[in-house]
Amino acid sequence: MNAVRADAKRRVVIPGAKPGDLFDVQRQSDERFVLVRLHRPNEAPGMSREACLEAMDRSPLNVALSWEQLRRITREP
């Protein structure tokens, strides 16, 4: 059994834990806590620059008007 001590900020160093590990803390009683390591899902790779530009071109929010057409529509006669 490894004894660990909480510091002033209530932190405990867990032997065998790596930075970024995520644990579920389950309180069973006032004296007993159970830590369960949670597995992180594999992160999907990010979009490439080309894929981002293609997605922006296909976006329905993309305005297909020229500046002249936009001026004619939005200005008062």
C-alpha atoms as a PDB file:
ATOM      1  CA  MET A   1       0.000   0.000   0.000  1.00  0.00           C
ATOM      2  CA  ASN A   2       1.331   3.418  -0.989  1.00  0.00           C
ATOM      3  CA  ALA A   3       0.434   6.237   1.367  1.00  0.00           C
ATOM      4  CA  VAL A   4       0.072   9.679  -0.202  1.00  0.00           C
ATOM      5  CA  ARG A   5      -0.607  13.021   1.424  1.00  0.00           C
ATOM      6  CA  ALA A   6      -2.852  15.799   0.126  1.00  0.00           C
ATOM      7  CA  ASP A   7      -1.230  19.230  -0.101  1.00  0.00           C
ATOM      8  CA  ALA A   8      -2.789  22.584   0.850  1.00  0.00           C
ATOM      9  CA  LYS A   9      -4.708  22.673  -2.445  1.00  0.00           C
ATOM     10  CA  ARG A  10      -6.157  19.162  -1.803  1.00  0.00           C
ATOM     11  CA  ARG A  11      -4.008  17.591  -4.538  1.00  0.00           C
ATOM     12  CA  VAL A  12      -2.692  14.040  -4.335  1.00  0.00           C
ATOM     13  CA  VAL A  13       0.074  12.523  -6.472  1.00  0.00           C
ATOM     14  CA  ILE A  14      -1.028   9.134  -7.798  1.00  0.00           C
ATOM     15  CA  PRO A  15       1.792   6.666  -8.459  1.00  0.00           C
ATOM     16  CA  GLY A  16       1.668   5.439 -12.047  1.00  0.00           C
ATOM     17  CA  ALA A  17      -0.479   8.321 -13.328  1.00  0.00           C
ATOM     18  CA  LYS A  18       0.705  10.311 -16.341  1.00  0.00           C
ATOM     19  CA  PRO A  19       0.064  14.001 -17.028  1.00  0.00           C
ATOM     20  CA  GLY A  20      -3.323  14.395 -18.700  1.00  0.00           C
ATOM     21  CA  ASP A  21      -4.795  11.156 -17.306  1.00  0.00           C
ATOM     22  CA  LEU A  22      -8.454  11.479 -16.387  1.00  0.00           C
ATOM     23  CA  PHE A  23      -9.962   9.777 -13.339  1.00  0.00           C
ATOM     24  CA  ASP A  24     -13.510   9.307 -12.098  1.00  0.00           C
ATOM     25  CA  VAL A  25     -13.635   9.870  -8.327  1.00  0.00           C
ATOM     26  CA  GLN A  26     -16.224   7.737  -6.530  1.00  0.00           C
ATOM     27  CA  ARG A  27     -16.856   8.425  -2.867  1.00  0.00           C
ATOM     28  CA  GLN A  28     -17.921   5.251  -1.102  1.00  0.00           C
ATOM     29  CA  SER A  29     -17.849   6.662   2.435  1.00  0.00           C
ATOM     30  CA  ASP A  30     -16.192   9.441   4.434  1.00  0.00           C
ATOM     31  CA  GLU A  31     -13.023   7.356   4.607  1.00  0.00           C
ATOM     32  CA  ARG A  32     -12.976   5.597   1.227  1.00  0.00           C
ATOM     33  CA  PHE A  33     -12.505   7.022  -2.269  1.00  0.00           C
ATOM     34  CA  VAL A  34     -12.140   4.968  -5.437  1.00  0.00           C
ATOM     35  CA  LEU A  35     -10.382   6.345  -8.502  1.00  0.00           C
ATOM     36  CA  VAL A  36     -11.190   4.836 -11.879  1.00  0.00           C
ATOM     37  CA  ARG A  37      -8.983   5.766 -14.818  1.00  0.00           C
ATOM     38  CA  LEU A  38     -11.063   6.836 -17.803  1.00  0.00           C
ATOM     39  CA  HIS A  39      -9.824   6.063 -21.305  1.00  0.00           C
ATOM     40  CA  ARG A  40      -9.627   8.970 -23.695  1.00  0.00           C
ATOM     41  CA  PRO A  41     -11.105   8.374 -27.137  1.00  0.00           C
ATOM     42  CA  ASN A  42      -8.693   8.589 -30.038  1.00  0.00           C
ATOM     43  CA  GLU A  43      -8.719  12.096 -31.402  1.00  0.00           C
ATOM     44  CA  ALA A  44      -9.603  12.457 -35.044  1.00  0.00           C
ATOM     45  CA  PRO A  45      -6.994  14.303 -37.100  1.00  0.00           C
ATOM     46  CA  GLY A  46      -7.803  17.924 -37.885  1.00  0.00           C
ATOM     47  CA  MET A  47      -8.866  19.173 -41.281  1.00  0.00           C
ATOM     48  CA  SER A  48      -6.173  20.182 -43.735  1.00  0.00           C
ATOM     49  CA  ARG A  49      -6.026  23.727 -45.076  1.00  0.00           C
ATOM     50  CA  GLU A  50      -7.360  22.559 -48.455  1.00  0.00           C
ATOM     51  CA  ALA A  51     -10.282  20.725 -46.834  1.00  0.00           C
ATOM     52  CA  CYS A  52     -11.156  23.841 -44.800  1.00  0.00           C
ATOM     53  CA  LEU A  53     -11.132  26.059 -47.889  1.00  0.00           C
ATOM     54  CA  GLU A  54     -13.336  23.577 -49.786  1.00  0.00           C
ATOM     55  CA  ALA A  55     -15.806  23.443 -46.886  1.00  0.00           C
ATOM     56  CA  MET A  56     -16.005  27.246 -46.801  1.00  0.00           C
ATOM     57  CA  ASP A  57     -16.665  27.357 -50.561  1.00  0.00           C
ATOM     58  CA  ARG A  58     -19.506  24.814 -50.217  1.00  0.00           C
ATOM     59  CA  SER A  59     -21.030  26.620 -47.236  1.00  0.00           C
ATOM     60  CA  PRO A  60     -24.590  27.926 -47.741  1.00  0.00           C
ATOM     61  CA  LEU A  61     -23.507  31.093 -45.931  1.00  0.00           C
ATOM     62  CA  ASN A  62     -21.067  31.909 -48.731  1.00  0.00           C
ATOM     63  CA  VAL A  63     -22.335  34.936 -50.678  1.00  0.00           C
ATOM     64  CA  ALA A  64     -22.289  34.342 -54.442  1.00  0.00           C
ATOM     65  CA  LEU A  65     -22.962  37.980 -55.394  1.00  0.00           C
ATOM     66  CA  SER A  66     -20.474  40.481 -56.738  1.00  0.00           C
ATOM     67  CA  TRP A  67     -19.997  43.768 -54.884  1.00  0.00           C
ATOM     68  CA  GLU A  68     -21.913  45.623 -57.604  1.00  0.00           C
ATOM     69  CA  GLN A  69     -24.906  43.267 -57.338  1.00  0.00           C
ATOM     70  CA  LEU A  70     -24.847  43.597 -53.566  1.00  0.00           C
ATOM     71  CA  ARG A  71     -24.757  47.408 -53.766  1.00  0.00           C
ATOM     72  CA  ARG A  72     -27.748  47.460 -56.155  1.00  0.00           C
ATOM     73  CA  ILE A  73     -29.771  45.218 -53.848  1.00  0.00           C
ATOM     74  CA  THR A  74     -28.961  46.985 -50.585  1.00  0.00           C
ATOM     75  CA  ARG A  75     -28.908  50.656 -51.587  1.00  0.00           C
ATOM     76  CA  GLU A  76     -31.991  52.793 -51.835  1.00  0.00           C
ATOM     77  CA  PRO A  77     -32.816  53.996 -55.375  1.00  0.00           C
END
